[in-house]
Structure formats: structure tokens, C-alpha cells
Amino acid sequence: MNNPQTEWESRSVTSKEVNRRWTEGSFIFKENATYYMMYSANFFGGANYAVGYATSNHPLGPFEKSADNPILQKNTETGGSVTGTGHNMILTLPDKQMLCVYHGRTTKTGDDRMVFMDRIEGREDGKLIVHGPTTGTQQLTESGD
């Protein structure tokens, strides 16, 4: 458990939500010359479900997990109301703006999963940043900024 990847990918077990690990919902997309493999880890029905990614210069790998994982996770420990964020996909708009679409729960909805959409940014250094989870109205800009 000293490995940061193992720690976040095992939170459902270490918090006693469930007694096994899950890693699922993977898909690959290409941005510039980099292949990104997005995936979810932890119990889909629990608060610790979260999203990470790995990168490669070839669609068949090898892939290297991001040191910034998880890039999308519950925000209740920082004053938010969203848990169980996972099983995502990326939607690229005609202006190249990207949205991360995923499911999660809020403290108001309890066990009922809801669909969320937040902006995701691909940085010049190859890092991905999800601007969420959010529950309020978001404004998309014409330029994608």
C-alpha cells in the first residue's frame, strides 16, 4: 500500500466498503501524439469510486499510470456533496473543448446515480485535469477556454 496507485485504487477495500478491488470501465482516446487510457477503480456502488488515467505513445501500450491519479473523485472531504464518481467517457466538442461525462451520487440523492458533465483539460505537458465534480450550472465558452 506504499504505492500511491495501489492506495487510491484500493480505497473501497481499506475503508471496508467491500472486500475486493475493482478496476473497470477503461477506454482509450488520442490527443495529439498521446494515447490516454481512462479507467475507474474501486466499488461502483461506493463513495470511493474514482477515475484515473495512463498514457502511451502507442494504442497497445505499454501504458504508464499518471502520478496525479485519481483525477476525478469524491469531494465530500473538501466541503462538496458528490461521491462515487466513475465510469466516464470523454466528449470532444467541435471547438475542441472536452467534457468528461460520468456518474456519481450526491448527499441529496443517496444511492441514486446521476450523470455529471465537467470540463476536462489536456495540458501542454500531457496532464489531464477534470474541473469537477460540480453540481452547479456551468458556462461553456465559445473558444473552449
C-alpha atoms as a PDB file:
ATOM      1  CA  MET A   1       0.000   0.000   0.000  1.00  0.00           C
ATOM      2  CA  ASN A   2       3.017   2.301  -0.105  1.00  0.00           C
ATOM      3  CA  ASN A   3       2.474   2.811  -3.845  1.00  0.00           C
ATOM      4  CA  PRO A   4       0.210   5.846  -4.491  1.00  0.00           C
ATOM      5  CA  GLN A   5      -1.592   3.964  -7.297  1.00  0.00           C
ATOM      6  CA  THR A   6      -2.311   0.987  -5.058  1.00  0.00           C
ATOM      7  CA  GLU A   7      -3.543   3.283  -2.286  1.00  0.00           C
ATOM      8  CA  TRP A   8      -6.216   5.102  -4.297  1.00  0.00           C
ATOM      9  CA  GLU A   9      -7.224   2.030  -6.325  1.00  0.00           C
ATOM     10  CA  SER A  10      -7.827   0.095  -3.075  1.00  0.00           C
ATOM     11  CA  ARG A  11      -9.808   2.620  -1.024  1.00  0.00           C
ATOM     12  CA  SER A  12     -13.011   0.558  -1.190  1.00  0.00           C
ATOM     13  CA  VAL A  13     -11.153  -2.317   0.493  1.00  0.00           C
ATOM     14  CA  THR A  14      -9.172  -0.303   3.027  1.00  0.00           C
ATOM     15  CA  SER A  15     -12.282   1.683   4.047  1.00  0.00           C
ATOM     16  CA  LYS A  16     -14.199  -1.618   4.427  1.00  0.00           C
ATOM     17  CA  GLU A  17     -16.828  -0.738   1.760  1.00  0.00           C
ATOM     18  CA  VAL A  18     -16.190  -4.125   0.137  1.00  0.00           C
ATOM     19  CA  ASN A  19     -13.627  -6.920   0.367  1.00  0.00           C
ATOM     20  CA  ARG A  20     -12.218  -6.831  -3.179  1.00  0.00           C
ATOM     21  CA  ARG A  21     -10.753  -4.415  -5.710  1.00  0.00           C
ATOM     22  CA  TRP A  22     -12.299  -3.319  -8.995  1.00  0.00           C
ATOM     23  CA  THR A  23     -10.635  -1.685 -11.973  1.00  0.00           C
ATOM     24  CA  GLU A  24     -13.046  -1.253 -14.868  1.00  0.00           C
ATOM     25  CA  GLY A  25     -14.627   0.964 -17.498  1.00  0.00           C
ATOM     26  CA  SER A  26     -11.454   1.546 -19.468  1.00  0.00           C
ATOM     27  CA  PHE A  27     -11.349   3.245 -22.852  1.00  0.00           C
ATOM     28  CA  ILE A  28      -8.681   4.925 -24.955  1.00  0.00           C
ATOM     29  CA  PHE A  29      -8.659   8.233 -26.771  1.00  0.00           C
ATOM     30  CA  LYS A  30      -5.877  10.031 -28.620  1.00  0.00           C
ATOM     31  CA  GLU A  31      -4.937  13.673 -28.123  1.00  0.00           C
ATOM     32  CA  ASN A  32      -2.024  14.949 -30.210  1.00  0.00           C
ATOM     33  CA  ALA A  33       0.554  12.102 -30.193  1.00  0.00           C
ATOM     34  CA  THR A  34      -0.537  10.654 -26.834  1.00  0.00           C
ATOM     35  CA  TYR A  35      -2.930   7.783 -26.166  1.00  0.00           C
ATOM     36  CA  TYR A  36      -4.877   8.167 -22.921  1.00  0.00           C
ATOM     37  CA  MET A  37      -6.444   5.168 -21.220  1.00  0.00           C
ATOM     38  CA  MET A  38      -9.111   6.282 -18.775  1.00  0.00           C
ATOM     39  CA  TYR A  39     -10.317   3.801 -16.141  1.00  0.00           C
ATOM     40  CA  SER A  40     -12.283   3.604 -12.911  1.00  0.00           C
ATOM     41  CA  ALA A  41     -11.197   1.930  -9.690  1.00  0.00           C
ATOM     42  CA  ASN A  42     -12.979   0.861  -6.502  1.00  0.00           C
ATOM     43  CA  PHE A  43     -16.552  -0.340  -5.899  1.00  0.00           C
ATOM     44  CA  PHE A  44     -19.008   1.229  -8.384  1.00  0.00           C
ATOM     45  CA  GLY A  45     -21.653   1.450  -5.690  1.00  0.00           C
ATOM     46  CA  GLY A  46     -19.426   3.091  -3.101  1.00  0.00           C
ATOM     47  CA  ALA A  47     -18.218   6.546  -2.194  1.00  0.00           C
ATOM     48  CA  ASN A  48     -14.614   5.812  -3.234  1.00  0.00           C
ATOM     49  CA  TYR A  49     -15.285   5.070  -6.924  1.00  0.00           C
ATOM     50  CA  ALA A  50     -12.856   7.312  -8.826  1.00  0.00           C
ATOM     51  CA  VAL A  51     -11.213   7.888 -12.228  1.00  0.00           C
ATOM     52  CA  GLY A  52      -7.566   7.672 -13.218  1.00  0.00           C
ATOM     53  CA  TYR A  53      -5.630   7.533 -16.457  1.00  0.00           C
ATOM     54  CA  ALA A  54      -2.485   6.170 -18.024  1.00  0.00           C
ATOM     55  CA  THR A  55      -0.605   7.295 -21.139  1.00  0.00           C
ATOM     56  CA  SER A  56       1.311   5.702 -24.003  1.00  0.00           C
ATOM     57  CA  ASN A  57       2.714   6.625 -27.398  1.00  0.00           C
ATOM     58  CA  HIS A  58       1.087   3.502 -28.911  1.00  0.00           C
ATOM     59  CA  PRO A  59      -2.524   2.263 -28.615  1.00  0.00           C
ATOM     60  CA  LEU A  60      -1.352  -1.175 -27.448  1.00  0.00           C
ATOM     61  CA  GLY A  61       0.959   0.232 -24.788  1.00  0.00           C
ATOM     62  CA  PRO A  62       2.818  -0.046 -22.622  1.00  0.00           C
ATOM     63  CA  PHE A  63       0.848   2.490 -20.574  1.00  0.00           C
ATOM     64  CA  GLU A  64       2.160   4.453 -17.606  1.00  0.00           C
ATOM     65  CA  LYS A  65      -0.289   5.497 -14.896  1.00  0.00           C
ATOM     66  CA  SER A  66      -0.394   9.193 -14.068  1.00  0.00           C
ATOM     67  CA  ALA A  67       1.183  10.280 -10.805  1.00  0.00           C
ATOM     68  CA  ASP A  68      -1.789  12.672 -10.478  1.00  0.00           C
ATOM     69  CA  ASN A  69      -4.374   9.878 -10.125  1.00  0.00           C
ATOM     70  CA  PRO A  70      -7.151   9.920  -9.249  1.00  0.00           C
ATOM     71  CA  ILE A  71      -8.122  12.889 -11.390  1.00  0.00           C
ATOM     72  CA  LEU A  72     -11.812  12.626 -10.505  1.00  0.00           C
ATOM     73  CA  GLN A  73     -13.016  11.560  -7.064  1.00  0.00           C
ATOM     74  CA  LYS A  74     -15.478  12.381  -4.284  1.00  0.00           C
ATOM     75  CA  ASN A  75     -15.398  15.926  -2.982  1.00  0.00           C
ATOM     76  CA  THR A  76     -17.204  15.453   0.345  1.00  0.00           C
ATOM     77  CA  GLU A  77     -13.948  15.709   2.297  1.00  0.00           C
ATOM     78  CA  THR A  78     -13.451  19.248   0.918  1.00  0.00           C
ATOM     79  CA  GLY A  79     -16.990  20.526   1.535  1.00  0.00           C
ATOM     80  CA  GLY A  80     -18.697  19.178  -1.609  1.00  0.00           C
ATOM     81  CA  SER A  81     -21.626  16.787  -1.920  1.00  0.00           C
ATOM     82  CA  VAL A  82     -20.528  14.309  -4.657  1.00  0.00           C
ATOM     83  CA  THR A  83     -19.336  10.721  -4.168  1.00  0.00           C
ATOM     84  CA  GLY A  84     -18.955   7.629  -6.347  1.00  0.00           C
ATOM     85  CA  THR A  85     -17.534   9.425  -9.391  1.00  0.00           C
ATOM     86  CA  GLY A  86     -16.612   6.955 -12.107  1.00  0.00           C
ATOM     87  CA  HIS A  87     -17.174   5.098 -15.359  1.00  0.00           C
ATOM     88  CA  ASN A  88     -16.517   8.084 -17.540  1.00  0.00           C
ATOM     89  CA  MET A  89     -16.147   8.970 -21.198  1.00  0.00           C
ATOM     90  CA  ILE A  90     -14.743  11.998 -22.981  1.00  0.00           C
ATOM     91  CA  LEU A  91     -16.823  14.113 -25.338  1.00  0.00           C
ATOM     92  CA  THR A  92     -14.940  16.471 -27.664  1.00  0.00           C
ATOM     93  CA  LEU A  93     -16.968  19.394 -28.995  1.00  0.00           C
ATOM     94  CA  PRO A  94     -16.408  20.865 -32.488  1.00  0.00           C
ATOM     95  CA  ASP A  95     -14.347  23.706 -30.941  1.00  0.00           C
ATOM     96  CA  LYS A  96     -12.030  21.050 -29.357  1.00  0.00           C
ATOM     97  CA  GLN A  97     -13.357  21.710 -25.858  1.00  0.00           C
ATOM     98  CA  MET A  98     -13.518  18.409 -23.950  1.00  0.00           C
ATOM     99  CA  LEU A  99     -16.127  17.273 -21.447  1.00  0.00           C
ATOM    100  CA  CYS A 100     -15.837  14.387 -19.004  1.00  0.00           C
ATOM    101  CA  VAL A 101     -19.195  12.589 -18.661  1.00  0.00           C
ATOM    102  CA  TYR A 102     -19.500  10.248 -15.659  1.00  0.00           C
ATOM    103  CA  HIS A 103     -21.870   9.007 -12.999  1.00  0.00           C
ATOM    104  CA  GLY A 104     -21.866   9.769  -9.311  1.00  0.00           C
ATOM    105  CA  ARG A 105     -24.097  10.399  -6.345  1.00  0.00           C
ATOM    106  CA  THR A 106     -24.801  13.404  -4.168  1.00  0.00           C
ATOM    107  CA  THR A 107     -25.578  13.555  -0.494  1.00  0.00           C
ATOM    108  CA  LYS A 108     -29.120  14.568  -1.580  1.00  0.00           C
ATOM    109  CA  THR A 109     -29.643  11.602  -3.950  1.00  0.00           C
ATOM    110  CA  GLY A 110     -28.166   8.920  -1.686  1.00  0.00           C
ATOM    111  CA  ASP A 111     -27.818   5.672  -3.633  1.00  0.00           C
ATOM    112  CA  ASP A 112     -29.345   7.023  -6.853  1.00  0.00           C
ATOM    113  CA  ARG A 113     -26.699   7.508  -9.527  1.00  0.00           C
ATOM    114  CA  MET A 114     -26.810  10.667 -11.625  1.00  0.00           C
ATOM    115  CA  VAL A 115     -24.996  11.756 -14.774  1.00  0.00           C
ATOM    116  CA  PHE A 116     -22.462  14.574 -14.404  1.00  0.00           C
ATOM    117  CA  MET A 117     -20.533  16.567 -17.013  1.00  0.00           C
ATOM    118  CA  ASP A 118     -17.464  18.624 -16.261  1.00  0.00           C
ATOM    119  CA  ARG A 119     -14.796  20.247 -18.370  1.00  0.00           C
ATOM    120  CA  ILE A 120     -11.592  18.248 -18.756  1.00  0.00           C
ATOM    121  CA  GLU A 121      -8.429  19.966 -19.819  1.00  0.00           C
ATOM    122  CA  GLY A 122      -5.480  18.447 -21.643  1.00  0.00           C
ATOM    123  CA  ARG A 123      -2.427  20.436 -20.622  1.00  0.00           C
ATOM    124  CA  GLU A 124       0.646  21.094 -22.772  1.00  0.00           C
ATOM    125  CA  ASP A 125       2.680  18.710 -20.565  1.00  0.00           C
ATOM    126  CA  GLY A 126       0.193  15.890 -21.285  1.00  0.00           C
ATOM    127  CA  LYS A 127      -1.585  16.000 -17.916  1.00  0.00           C
ATOM    128  CA  LEU A 128      -5.359  15.777 -17.755  1.00  0.00           C
ATOM    129  CA  ILE A 129      -7.304  17.955 -15.311  1.00  0.00           C
ATOM    130  CA  VAL A 130     -11.021  17.402 -14.612  1.00  0.00           C
ATOM    131  CA  HIS A 131     -12.695  20.592 -13.388  1.00  0.00           C
ATOM    132  CA  GLY A 132     -15.093  18.814 -11.067  1.00  0.00           C
ATOM    133  CA  PRO A 133     -17.047  17.212  -9.680  1.00  0.00           C
ATOM    134  CA  THR A 134     -19.521  20.046  -9.870  1.00  0.00           C
ATOM    135  CA  THR A 135     -23.241  20.244  -9.188  1.00  0.00           C
ATOM    136  CA  GLY A 136     -23.987  23.774 -10.333  1.00  0.00           C
ATOM    137  CA  THR A 137     -24.630  25.338 -13.707  1.00  0.00           C
ATOM    138  CA  GLN A 138     -21.549  25.581 -15.899  1.00  0.00           C
ATOM    139  CA  GLN A 139     -20.835  28.003 -18.702  1.00  0.00           C
ATOM    140  CA  LEU A 140     -19.121  26.670 -21.815  1.00  0.00           C
ATOM    141  CA  THR A 141     -17.145  29.238 -23.742  1.00  0.00           C
ATOM    142  CA  GLU A 142     -17.056  29.598 -27.490  1.00  0.00           C
ATOM    143  CA  SER A 143     -13.287  29.248 -27.605  1.00  0.00           C
ATOM    144  CA  GLY A 144     -13.111  26.365 -25.112  1.00  0.00           C
ATOM    145  CA  ASP A 145     -11.229  28.489 -22.527  1.00  0.00           C
END
